[in-house]
Amino acid sequence: MDLDLVRQRAEKLLNELDREFYLAGSGQKDQVDIGEIYEKYSDLADRKLLDEVREMLEAAEGEERKRLSYLYEFLVLNYLGHSTRKRDEEFLNREASLKVKTPEGEEVSFRYAEVLLLNEDDRDRRDAIDSAREKALAEELNPILEARFRELNDSMRELGFSNCVELVESLSGIDLVPLRDRLGGFLAETEELYHRNLKEYLLSKDIPLDDAKRHDLRYLMRGRGFDSYFRGDRLIEITKRYLSAMGIDMYAGGNVRYDLEEREKKSPRAFCSPIRVPDEVVLVIMPKGGAEDYKTFLHELGHALHYGHVDRELPFEFKYLGDNSVTEAFAMLFDHLPLNPAWVRELVAPGIPDEYIRHSWFTQLAMLRRYSAKLDYELALHGDGSLEGKAPLYSEKLSSALHVKYPETSYLYDVDDFFYCARYLRAWILESHLSSYLEEKYGEKWFLNEDAGRFLVGLWRLGQKLDAAEIAGELGRELYDLGPMVERIRRYLP
C-alpha cells in the first residue's frame, strides 16, 4: 500500500465533494451529483485498505499515530458514505425540489418554508406552514431517511461496530456518555433561568404556555424586532473594520473568496466551502440584514478564516481532518460577537437596547439546551440501531428540555451523522474558554487588538492538529469545565 497515494486521493475526493456542494448550494447547479464522485474514488472504500491502515495505526506512535487515527476515521466514514451515496443523493435532491403550500395556496420550496416560519407574526399561519412542512417531511423525506438509517447500520456492523455509539467513540476518542451526563447537569442548573425567561417571552406574544410549539420558540429566537440595527449593506464594512484592527486579512492573502452574487437558487443561508485548504475557500452569502444574518455570516467567516490561514505545509490529515469541534469553536467565537455588548456597541449600534443583549443570550441558552437534549436522544436512537419508539422519544426529550412541543416527524431529519451534535457542544464549551481567555489577556475589546489577532492566526495555522481538549489545555483550561459558559449566560440573562 502506498500511503502517500492514499492521502493524495483522499484529499482530491474531499476537494471534489466540497466543490460539488458549493456549486449546488450557491445556485450554480440544480442538483448534487455525489454518486459519480464516490465511484471515482471507490478504491478508498476498500475493506482491505481499511484493515491495512488500522494495523499501521495500532503499531504507530507520536505524531504519526495521530495522523493515522485521523486518516482511519476518515476512511471508515468514507466507506459508510460510499455505502449510502445513492440514498444521500436521493434525499438531497428530493429535499431541494420538494414544495409545500402556504395557507393561501402558494407553492414554496420546503427549505424556504422554514424562512417563512421564522418571519411570520401570525401564529395560525405559522402553525399551518409548519404542519404542511411536517406533512411533506413525513410523506416524502422520512421514508428515505429511514431506509438510509437501516443501510448505514448494516454497513457499520459489516465493519465490526455494534452501533454508531461504539463507532464514534472508538474513532474520535470522544466519550459520549460522560459528555451527555455533564450537559445533563447543565440542563438542571439552567432549568429555572430558562423557563422563567421563556415564560415571559411567550406571554409577551400572547402564546399559551401549555400550548407553545417548536415554531413558536423559533419565532421568538428570530428576534425580528432588532433587525433595523443590523443593516445588510454594512455587514462587509463592519467585518473589514474589526478584522483590520486585529491585523487579520479577511481574504487570507487571496485564499478566501466571498460569493455575494444573487442567484435564484442560491441557499438563503451563508455557508463555507473549504474546497482546497488553504488555497480555495469560498464563503457564500446573500446579505439581507438582521441580527440572524450577521450571526450566520460571522459563523461561516470563522470557518473561512480558519481554513484560509492553515499552514499549507501541514500534512493532509491536519489540514482537512481531525476534531471538527475545533473549527466549529472558531466559527462560534465569531458568531458570538453579535452577543457581545462591547462589539455591538462599538461596531454596529451604540444605542442598541439592553433587551437585545438579553434576547440574544436567551436564544443562546435555548440552543445549548436543545443540543444537550439532542445528544441524549441520539444516544438512545443509535444505542440499539432500531427505529421503533424513537419518534415519540425524540418529541419527549426535546419538548422536556425546551418546554415547547416538538413534532415527532423530525426524529431523523433533526439528526446529523455520527454525533456531530457532540462536536457542536464541545465547540460551544471551547468557545467559552477562548472568549474568556481573550478577554482576560487582551481586554473586553479583544476584537480590536492586534495581539489577539496574532494569537488567533497562530491557532488557525495549526489546522486541526490539536483537538478541542488539547487547545483548552494550551489555554490552561479543562475542556469540560462549564463554568465560563454558565457564568456568561447568567451575566447577561436575568
Protein backbone atom coordinates (compact mmCIF):
# COMPACT_ATOMS: atom_id res chain seq x y z
CA MET A 1 0.00 0.00 0.00
CA ASP A 2 1.26 3.46 -0.98
CA LEU A 3 0.13 5.57 1.99
CA ASP A 4 1.13 8.84 0.32
CA LEU A 5 -1.07 7.97 -2.66
CA VAL A 6 -3.98 7.20 -0.30
CA ARG A 7 -3.58 10.62 1.28
CA GLN A 8 -3.40 12.34 -2.10
CA ARG A 9 -6.55 10.63 -3.34
CA ALA A 10 -8.37 11.31 -0.08
CA GLU A 11 -7.58 15.00 -0.46
CA LYS A 12 -8.80 15.02 -4.06
CA LEU A 13 -12.02 13.28 -3.03
CA LEU A 14 -12.71 15.98 -0.44
CA ASN A 15 -11.84 18.69 -2.97
CA GLU A 16 -14.37 17.35 -5.47
CA LEU A 17 -17.12 16.80 -2.91
CA ASP A 18 -16.76 20.30 -1.47
CA ARG A 19 -16.75 21.82 -4.93
CA GLU A 20 -19.94 19.91 -5.78
CA PHE A 21 -21.69 21.09 -2.60
CA TYR A 22 -20.51 24.64 -3.27
CA LEU A 23 -21.85 24.70 -6.83
CA ALA A 24 -25.23 23.31 -5.79
CA GLY A 25 -25.56 25.45 -2.65
CA SER A 26 -24.57 28.62 -4.47
CA GLY A 27 -27.25 28.07 -7.12
CA GLN A 28 -24.87 27.23 -9.98
CA LYS A 29 -26.14 23.64 -10.27
CA ASP A 30 -29.66 22.29 -9.97
CA GLN A 31 -28.71 19.02 -8.32
CA VAL A 32 -25.98 17.45 -6.24
CA ASP A 33 -24.19 14.65 -8.09
CA ILE A 34 -22.08 12.89 -5.47
CA GLY A 35 -22.60 9.31 -6.61
CA GLU A 36 -20.18 9.63 -9.52
CA ILE A 37 -17.56 11.26 -7.28
CA TYR A 38 -17.72 8.42 -4.76
CA GLU A 39 -17.48 5.90 -7.60
CA LYS A 40 -14.39 7.65 -8.97
CA TYR A 41 -12.66 7.12 -5.61
CA SER A 42 -14.12 3.71 -4.81
CA ASP A 43 -10.59 2.43 -4.05
CA LEU A 44 -10.73 4.46 -0.82
CA ALA A 45 -13.76 2.40 0.29
CA ASP A 46 -11.92 -0.91 0.01
CA ARG A 47 -12.12 -3.12 3.13
CA LYS A 48 -8.57 -4.31 2.68
CA LEU A 49 -7.33 -0.72 2.74
CA LEU A 50 -9.20 -0.03 5.98
CA ASP A 51 -7.70 -3.13 7.59
CA GLU A 52 -4.16 -2.21 6.50
CA VAL A 53 -4.44 1.35 7.81
CA ARG A 54 -5.87 0.08 11.11
CA GLU A 55 -2.91 -2.27 11.51
CA MET A 56 -0.49 0.60 10.82
CA LEU A 57 -2.34 2.75 13.35
CA GLU A 58 -2.04 0.10 16.06
CA ALA A 59 1.75 -0.01 15.56
CA ALA A 60 2.34 3.76 15.22
CA GLU A 61 3.47 6.25 17.85
CA GLY A 62 3.60 10.01 18.36
CA GLU A 63 2.52 12.37 15.59
CA GLU A 64 2.30 9.57 13.01
CA ARG A 65 -0.21 7.80 15.25
CA LYS A 66 -2.37 10.92 15.42
CA ARG A 67 -2.22 11.34 11.63
CA LEU A 68 -3.18 7.71 11.09
CA SER A 69 -6.01 7.93 13.62
CA TYR A 70 -7.45 10.90 11.69
CA LEU A 71 -6.95 9.09 8.38
CA TYR A 72 -8.52 5.86 9.63
CA GLU A 73 -11.55 7.74 10.93
CA PHE A 74 -11.91 9.45 7.55
CA LEU A 75 -11.62 6.15 5.64
CA VAL A 76 -14.26 4.47 7.82
CA LEU A 77 -16.69 7.37 7.42
CA ASN A 78 -15.94 7.48 3.70
CA TYR A 79 -16.69 3.74 3.47
CA LEU A 80 -20.05 4.42 5.09
CA GLY A 81 -20.67 7.44 2.85
CA HIS A 82 -19.89 5.29 -0.17
CA SER A 83 -22.41 2.70 1.01
CA THR A 84 -25.21 5.28 1.33
CA ARG A 85 -24.21 7.51 -1.61
CA LYS A 86 -27.30 6.77 -3.70
CA ARG A 87 -29.65 7.30 -0.77
CA ASP A 88 -27.85 10.55 0.16
CA GLU A 89 -28.14 11.87 -3.37
CA GLU A 90 -31.80 10.89 -3.48
CA PHE A 91 -32.50 12.70 -0.22
CA LEU A 92 -30.60 15.90 -1.07
CA ASN A 93 -32.21 16.27 -4.46
CA ARG A 94 -35.70 15.40 -3.18
CA GLU A 95 -35.36 17.94 -0.39
CA ALA A 96 -34.17 20.60 -2.84
CA SER A 97 -37.13 20.03 -5.19
CA LEU A 98 -39.83 19.49 -2.55
CA LYS A 99 -42.69 22.03 -2.43
CA VAL A 100 -45.24 22.88 0.25
CA LYS A 101 -48.28 25.12 0.13
CA THR A 102 -48.85 28.23 2.24
CA PRO A 103 -52.32 28.82 3.79
CA GLU A 104 -53.13 30.93 0.72
CA GLY A 105 -52.30 28.05 -1.62
CA GLU A 106 -48.99 29.46 -2.87
CA GLU A 107 -46.31 26.86 -3.52
CA VAL A 108 -42.92 27.50 -1.89
CA SER A 109 -39.88 25.28 -1.52
CA PHE A 110 -39.65 23.03 1.53
CA ARG A 111 -36.44 24.79 2.58
CA TYR A 112 -37.84 28.30 2.13
CA ALA A 113 -40.88 27.40 4.24
CA GLU A 114 -38.55 27.44 7.24
CA VAL A 115 -37.59 31.03 6.44
CA LEU A 116 -41.28 31.93 6.30
CA LEU A 117 -41.81 30.35 9.72
CA LEU A 118 -39.12 32.47 11.30
CA ASN A 119 -40.62 35.70 9.98
CA GLU A 120 -44.36 35.07 10.32
CA ASP A 121 -46.06 37.09 13.09
CA ASP A 122 -49.44 35.38 12.76
CA ARG A 123 -49.43 32.25 14.89
CA ASP A 124 -52.19 30.48 12.97
CA ARG A 125 -50.31 30.95 9.69
CA ARG A 126 -47.10 29.72 11.34
CA ASP A 127 -48.91 26.66 12.56
CA ALA A 128 -50.35 25.96 9.12
CA ILE A 129 -46.97 26.35 7.38
CA ASP A 130 -45.27 24.18 9.98
CA SER A 131 -47.94 21.49 9.61
CA ALA A 132 -47.55 21.50 5.82
CA ARG A 133 -43.80 21.21 6.19
CA GLU A 134 -44.03 18.34 8.66
CA LYS A 135 -46.53 16.53 6.41
CA ALA A 136 -44.10 16.79 3.49
CA LEU A 137 -41.29 15.58 5.72
CA ALA A 138 -43.31 12.57 6.90
CA GLU A 139 -44.51 11.57 3.44
CA GLU A 140 -41.56 12.44 1.18
CA LEU A 141 -38.33 12.54 3.19
CA ASN A 142 -38.73 10.28 6.21
CA PRO A 143 -39.05 7.09 4.10
CA ILE A 144 -35.68 7.93 2.53
CA LEU A 145 -34.12 8.74 5.91
CA GLU A 146 -35.46 5.56 7.47
CA ALA A 147 -34.10 3.39 4.65
CA ARG A 148 -30.77 5.20 4.91
CA PHE A 149 -30.63 4.66 8.69
CA ARG A 150 -31.03 0.92 8.24
CA GLU A 151 -28.46 0.76 5.43
CA LEU A 152 -25.97 2.76 7.48
CA ASN A 153 -26.37 0.48 10.48
CA ASP A 154 -25.90 -2.60 8.29
CA SER A 155 -22.66 -1.10 6.92
CA MET A 156 -21.39 -0.27 10.41
CA ARG A 157 -21.97 -3.86 11.52
CA GLU A 158 -20.11 -5.08 8.43
CA LEU A 159 -17.09 -3.15 9.73
CA GLY A 160 -17.37 -4.77 13.15
CA PHE A 161 -19.06 -1.93 15.06
CA SER A 162 -22.13 -2.90 17.05
CA ASN A 163 -23.67 0.55 16.66
CA CYS A 164 -22.91 4.21 15.92
CA VAL A 165 -22.06 4.95 19.56
CA GLU A 166 -19.24 2.41 19.54
CA LEU A 167 -18.06 3.61 16.12
CA VAL A 168 -17.85 7.30 17.07
CA GLU A 169 -16.28 6.74 20.49
CA SER A 170 -13.62 4.37 19.12
CA LEU A 171 -12.75 6.56 16.11
CA SER A 172 -12.91 10.03 17.68
CA GLY A 173 -11.85 9.31 21.25
CA ILE A 174 -14.86 11.31 22.47
CA ASP A 175 -16.65 9.66 25.39
CA LEU A 176 -20.26 10.47 24.58
CA VAL A 177 -21.99 9.32 27.76
CA PRO A 178 -19.84 11.40 30.17
CA LEU A 179 -20.42 14.42 27.90
CA ARG A 180 -24.16 13.73 27.96
CA ASP A 181 -24.08 13.48 31.74
CA ARG A 182 -22.13 16.72 32.13
CA LEU A 183 -24.67 18.52 29.96
CA GLY A 184 -27.49 16.91 31.88
CA GLY A 185 -26.13 18.83 34.85
CA PHE A 186 -26.14 21.98 32.71
CA LEU A 187 -29.82 21.42 31.87
CA ALA A 188 -30.67 21.10 35.55
CA GLU A 189 -28.58 24.12 36.51
CA THR A 190 -30.20 26.40 33.92
CA GLU A 191 -33.74 24.99 34.14
CA GLU A 192 -35.28 27.75 36.27
CA LEU A 193 -33.43 30.53 34.41
CA TYR A 194 -34.55 29.26 31.02
CA HIS A 195 -38.15 28.56 31.99
CA ARG A 196 -38.60 31.97 33.61
CA ASN A 197 -37.36 33.82 30.53
CA LEU A 198 -39.26 31.59 28.11
CA LYS A 199 -42.48 32.20 30.02
CA GLU A 200 -42.00 35.97 29.83
CA TYR A 201 -41.28 35.92 26.09
CA LEU A 202 -44.25 33.66 25.34
CA LEU A 203 -46.64 35.82 27.36
CA SER A 204 -45.38 38.94 25.58
CA LYS A 205 -46.58 37.37 22.29
CA ASP A 206 -49.86 36.02 23.73
CA ILE A 207 -48.71 32.44 23.19
CA PRO A 208 -50.32 29.99 25.66
CA LEU A 209 -47.73 28.40 27.91
CA ASP A 210 -49.38 24.99 27.80
CA ASP A 211 -49.70 25.01 24.01
CA ALA A 212 -46.37 26.52 22.90
CA LYS A 213 -44.83 24.70 19.93
CA ARG A 214 -41.44 24.43 18.33
CA HIS A 215 -42.28 27.02 15.68
CA ASP A 216 -43.25 29.47 18.44
CA LEU A 217 -39.83 29.15 20.04
CA ARG A 218 -38.04 29.51 16.72
CA TYR A 219 -40.10 32.62 16.00
CA LEU A 220 -39.17 34.08 19.40
CA MET A 221 -35.50 33.29 18.85
CA ARG A 222 -35.53 35.04 15.47
CA GLY A 223 -35.81 38.46 17.21
CA ARG A 224 -37.02 40.26 14.11
CA GLY A 225 -37.68 43.43 16.09
CA PHE A 226 -33.94 44.11 16.28
CA ASP A 227 -33.27 43.82 12.54
CA SER A 228 -33.12 47.57 11.92
CA TYR A 229 -29.86 47.76 13.86
CA PHE A 230 -28.18 45.20 11.61
CA ARG A 231 -28.22 46.58 8.08
CA GLY A 232 -27.19 44.23 5.32
CA ASP A 233 -25.22 46.91 3.47
CA ARG A 234 -22.90 47.39 6.47
CA LEU A 235 -22.03 43.76 7.12
CA ILE A 236 -18.87 43.59 4.98
CA GLU A 237 -17.76 47.07 6.06
CA ILE A 238 -18.05 46.16 9.77
CA THR A 239 -16.21 42.90 9.17
CA LYS A 240 -13.32 44.68 7.44
CA ARG A 241 -13.12 47.23 10.22
CA TYR A 242 -12.62 44.93 13.17
CA LEU A 243 -10.51 42.38 11.29
CA SER A 244 -8.26 45.19 10.09
CA ALA A 245 -7.87 46.40 13.69
CA MET A 246 -6.80 42.85 14.60
CA GLY A 247 -4.33 42.76 11.73
CA ILE A 248 -6.27 39.94 10.05
CA ASP A 249 -6.68 39.85 6.28
CA MET A 250 -10.28 38.82 5.63
CA TYR A 251 -9.14 37.37 2.29
CA ALA A 252 -6.25 35.43 3.87
CA GLY A 253 -3.85 36.54 1.16
CA GLY A 254 -6.29 35.61 -1.59
CA ASN A 255 -7.18 32.20 -0.19
CA VAL A 256 -10.70 33.22 0.86
CA ARG A 257 -13.28 34.35 -1.68
CA TYR A 258 -16.72 35.80 -0.95
CA ASP A 259 -19.55 34.75 -3.25
CA LEU A 260 -22.00 37.66 -2.91
CA GLU A 261 -23.77 37.29 -6.27
CA GLU A 262 -27.54 36.93 -6.24
CA ARG A 263 -28.83 33.75 -7.87
CA GLU A 264 -32.36 32.41 -7.86
CA LYS A 265 -31.45 29.00 -6.44
CA LYS A 266 -28.73 30.17 -4.08
CA SER A 267 -29.02 28.97 -0.50
CA PRO A 268 -30.67 31.63 1.69
CA ARG A 269 -28.20 30.78 4.48
CA ALA A 270 -24.50 31.53 4.39
CA PHE A 271 -22.12 28.57 4.20
CA CYS A 272 -18.40 27.95 3.80
CA SER A 273 -16.82 25.54 1.33
CA PRO A 274 -13.17 24.68 2.08
CA ILE A 275 -12.62 23.35 -1.43
CA ARG A 276 -8.81 23.26 -1.24
CA VAL A 277 -7.28 24.07 2.15
CA PRO A 278 -5.92 26.71 2.44
CA ASP A 279 -5.84 27.89 -1.18
CA GLU A 280 -9.50 27.90 -2.23
CA VAL A 281 -12.05 28.67 0.45
CA VAL A 282 -15.40 30.18 -0.54
CA LEU A 283 -17.90 31.88 1.77
CA VAL A 284 -21.32 32.05 0.17
CA ILE A 285 -23.81 34.67 1.29
CA MET A 286 -26.56 36.99 0.09
CA PRO A 287 -26.50 39.72 2.76
CA LYS A 288 -30.07 40.59 3.71
CA GLY A 289 -29.63 42.23 7.08
CA GLY A 290 -30.85 41.38 10.54
CA ALA A 291 -29.08 40.01 13.59
CA GLU A 292 -29.59 36.42 12.47
CA ASP A 293 -27.96 37.19 9.11
CA TYR A 294 -24.96 38.73 10.88
CA LYS A 295 -24.58 35.71 13.19
CA THR A 296 -24.81 33.23 10.32
CA PHE A 297 -22.27 35.14 8.23
CA LEU A 298 -19.86 35.52 11.13
CA HIS A 299 -20.09 31.81 11.92
CA GLU A 300 -19.06 30.94 8.37
CA LEU A 301 -16.42 33.68 8.45
CA GLY A 302 -14.82 31.93 11.42
CA HIS A 303 -14.62 28.73 9.36
CA ALA A 304 -13.30 30.57 6.30
CA LEU A 305 -10.55 32.42 8.19
CA HIS A 306 -9.52 29.24 9.95
CA TYR A 307 -9.26 27.22 6.72
CA GLY A 308 -7.75 30.12 4.77
CA HIS A 309 -4.91 30.61 7.27
CA VAL A 310 -3.94 26.95 7.67
CA ASP A 311 -0.25 26.31 7.05
CA ARG A 312 -0.22 24.72 3.59
CA GLU A 313 2.86 22.69 4.56
CA LEU A 314 0.88 20.74 7.15
CA PRO A 315 0.16 17.07 6.43
CA PHE A 316 -3.16 16.33 4.73
CA GLU A 317 -4.74 14.97 7.93
CA PHE A 318 -4.12 18.15 9.93
CA LYS A 319 -5.41 20.42 7.13
CA TYR A 320 -8.66 18.56 6.40
CA LEU A 321 -9.41 16.05 9.12
CA GLY A 322 -9.34 15.82 12.91
CA ASP A 323 -11.70 17.08 15.60
CA ASN A 324 -14.27 19.35 13.94
CA SER A 325 -15.08 20.74 17.40
CA VAL A 326 -12.07 22.97 16.71
CA THR A 327 -13.21 24.66 13.51
CA GLU A 328 -16.73 24.91 14.96
CA ALA A 329 -15.28 26.68 18.02
CA PHE A 330 -13.57 29.26 15.80
CA ALA A 331 -16.84 29.74 13.95
CA MET A 332 -18.69 30.20 17.23
CA LEU A 333 -16.08 32.63 18.53
CA PHE A 334 -17.10 34.91 15.65
CA ASP A 335 -20.84 34.22 15.66
CA HIS A 336 -20.88 35.15 19.37
CA LEU A 337 -19.65 38.66 18.57
CA PRO A 338 -23.21 39.95 18.00
CA LEU A 339 -23.95 38.68 21.52
CA ASN A 340 -21.06 40.73 22.93
CA PRO A 341 -22.30 44.16 24.15
CA ALA A 342 -18.87 45.73 23.61
CA TRP A 343 -18.67 44.53 19.99
CA VAL A 344 -22.25 45.52 19.12
CA ARG A 345 -21.99 48.99 20.64
CA GLU A 346 -18.53 49.64 19.20
CA LEU A 347 -19.22 48.47 15.66
CA VAL A 348 -22.94 48.13 14.99
CA ALA A 349 -25.20 50.37 17.07
CA PRO A 350 -24.01 52.40 20.09
CA GLY A 351 -27.59 52.84 21.29
CA ILE A 352 -28.82 49.27 20.93
CA PRO A 353 -31.10 48.44 23.89
CA ASP A 354 -30.12 46.09 26.69
CA GLU A 355 -33.12 43.94 25.74
CA TYR A 356 -31.31 42.93 22.55
CA ILE A 357 -28.42 41.52 24.60
CA ARG A 358 -30.82 39.69 26.90
CA HIS A 359 -32.74 38.24 23.97
CA SER A 360 -29.51 37.09 22.29
CA TRP A 361 -28.41 35.18 25.36
CA PHE A 362 -31.84 33.64 25.81
CA THR A 363 -31.52 32.37 22.24
CA GLN A 364 -28.05 31.04 23.02
CA LEU A 365 -29.30 29.23 26.12
CA ALA A 366 -32.16 27.69 24.14
CA MET A 367 -29.69 26.40 21.53
CA LEU A 368 -27.41 24.89 24.17
CA ARG A 369 -30.34 23.17 25.85
CA ARG A 370 -31.61 21.90 22.51
CA TYR A 371 -28.27 20.33 21.58
CA SER A 372 -27.84 18.87 25.05
CA ALA A 373 -31.22 17.15 24.61
CA LYS A 374 -30.27 16.08 21.08
CA LEU A 375 -27.16 14.31 22.36
CA ASP A 376 -29.25 12.49 24.95
CA TYR A 377 -31.79 11.49 22.29
CA GLU A 378 -29.19 10.41 19.74
CA LEU A 379 -27.50 8.13 22.26
CA ALA A 380 -30.86 6.39 22.62
CA LEU A 381 -31.52 6.42 18.87
CA HIS A 382 -28.21 4.81 18.00
CA GLY A 383 -27.92 2.60 21.05
CA ASP A 384 -29.82 -0.34 19.62
CA GLY A 385 -29.94 0.52 15.91
CA SER A 386 -33.75 0.28 15.92
CA LEU A 387 -36.23 2.96 14.91
CA GLU A 388 -39.06 1.52 16.99
CA GLY A 389 -40.34 4.05 19.51
CA LYS A 390 -37.77 6.67 18.57
CA ALA A 391 -40.15 9.25 17.09
CA PRO A 392 -42.09 9.76 20.36
CA LEU A 393 -38.82 9.62 22.31
CA TYR A 394 -37.42 12.47 20.19
CA SER A 395 -40.50 14.57 20.89
CA GLU A 396 -40.39 13.76 24.61
CA LYS A 397 -36.73 14.66 25.16
CA LEU A 398 -36.70 17.85 23.08
CA SER A 399 -40.04 19.03 24.45
CA SER A 400 -38.85 18.45 28.02
CA ALA A 401 -35.65 20.46 27.56
CA LEU A 402 -37.22 23.36 25.63
CA HIS A 403 -40.71 23.45 27.23
CA VAL A 404 -42.39 23.63 23.82
CA LYS A 405 -43.96 20.79 21.84
CA TYR A 406 -41.60 19.20 19.33
CA PRO A 407 -43.17 17.18 16.48
CA GLU A 408 -42.33 13.50 16.25
CA THR A 409 -41.83 13.71 12.48
CA SER A 410 -38.39 15.38 12.79
CA TYR A 411 -36.92 12.40 14.65
CA LEU A 412 -34.41 11.65 11.87
CA TYR A 413 -34.37 14.93 9.96
CA ASP A 414 -33.05 16.67 13.08
CA VAL A 415 -30.08 14.29 13.36
CA ASP A 416 -26.62 14.92 11.91
CA ASP A 417 -24.46 11.91 11.13
CA PHE A 418 -22.02 10.40 13.60
CA PHE A 419 -22.93 12.53 16.62
CA TYR A 420 -21.93 15.83 15.08
CA CYS A 421 -24.07 17.34 17.83
CA ALA A 422 -21.28 16.33 20.23
CA ARG A 423 -18.78 18.31 18.12
CA TYR A 424 -21.05 21.35 18.34
CA LEU A 425 -21.40 21.00 22.10
CA ARG A 426 -17.65 20.64 22.59
CA ALA A 427 -17.21 23.67 20.34
CA TRP A 428 -19.60 25.78 22.42
CA ILE A 429 -17.65 24.87 25.56
CA LEU A 430 -14.28 25.53 23.90
CA GLU A 431 -15.57 28.87 22.56
CA SER A 432 -16.40 29.94 26.13
CA HIS A 433 -12.81 29.19 27.14
CA LEU A 434 -11.40 31.04 24.12
CA SER A 435 -13.60 34.09 24.78
CA SER A 436 -12.77 34.29 28.48
CA TYR A 437 -9.06 33.82 27.71
CA LEU A 438 -9.11 36.59 25.10
CA GLU A 439 -10.94 38.95 27.46
CA GLU A 440 -8.55 38.24 30.32
CA LYS A 441 -5.42 38.64 28.18
CA TYR A 442 -6.40 41.40 25.73
CA GLY A 443 -9.37 43.15 27.37
CA GLU A 444 -13.09 43.28 26.62
CA LYS A 445 -12.35 44.78 23.20
CA TRP A 446 -10.01 41.98 22.17
CA PHE A 447 -11.68 42.09 18.75
CA LEU A 448 -9.79 45.35 18.08
CA ASN A 449 -6.40 44.12 19.36
CA GLU A 450 -3.56 43.14 17.01
CA ASP A 451 -2.03 40.78 19.58
CA ALA A 452 -5.35 38.93 19.83
CA GLY A 453 -5.35 38.70 16.04
CA ARG A 454 -1.86 37.22 16.01
CA PHE A 455 -2.88 34.73 18.68
CA LEU A 456 -5.86 33.54 16.62
CA VAL A 457 -3.90 33.32 13.37
CA GLY A 458 -1.33 31.22 15.24
CA LEU A 459 -4.06 28.77 16.23
CA TRP A 460 -5.58 28.79 12.74
CA ARG A 461 -2.23 27.89 11.17
CA LEU A 462 -2.33 24.59 13.06
CA GLY A 463 -5.43 23.45 11.18
CA GLN A 464 -6.88 20.70 13.37
CA LYS A 465 -3.62 19.20 14.51
CA LEU A 466 -4.80 19.79 18.08
CA ASP A 467 -8.17 18.58 19.26
CA ALA A 468 -10.55 20.62 21.42
CA ALA A 469 -9.22 19.25 24.71
CA GLU A 470 -5.62 20.00 23.67
CA ILE A 471 -6.47 23.59 22.74
CA ALA A 472 -8.26 24.06 26.07
CA GLY A 473 -5.11 22.71 27.74
CA GLU A 474 -2.98 25.25 25.85
CA LEU A 475 -5.19 27.95 27.41
CA GLY A 476 -4.71 26.45 30.86
CA ARG A 477 -8.31 25.20 30.94
CA GLU A 478 -10.08 21.86 31.27
CA LEU A 479 -12.40 21.40 28.30
CA TYR A 480 -15.45 20.14 30.17
CA ASP A 481 -15.34 22.88 32.78
CA LEU A 482 -18.70 24.54 32.03
CA GLY A 483 -18.09 27.39 34.46
CA PRO A 484 -17.17 30.10 31.90
CA MET A 485 -20.14 29.17 29.70
CA VAL A 486 -22.67 29.27 32.54
CA GLU A 487 -21.18 32.41 34.09
CA ARG A 488 -21.52 34.34 30.85
CA ILE A 489 -25.12 33.25 30.36
CA ARG A 490 -26.01 34.36 33.89
CA ARG A 491 -24.16 37.64 33.38
CA TYR A 492 -26.43 38.72 30.55
CA LEU A 493 -29.66 36.82 31.22
CA PRO A 494 -31.67 37.90 34.28
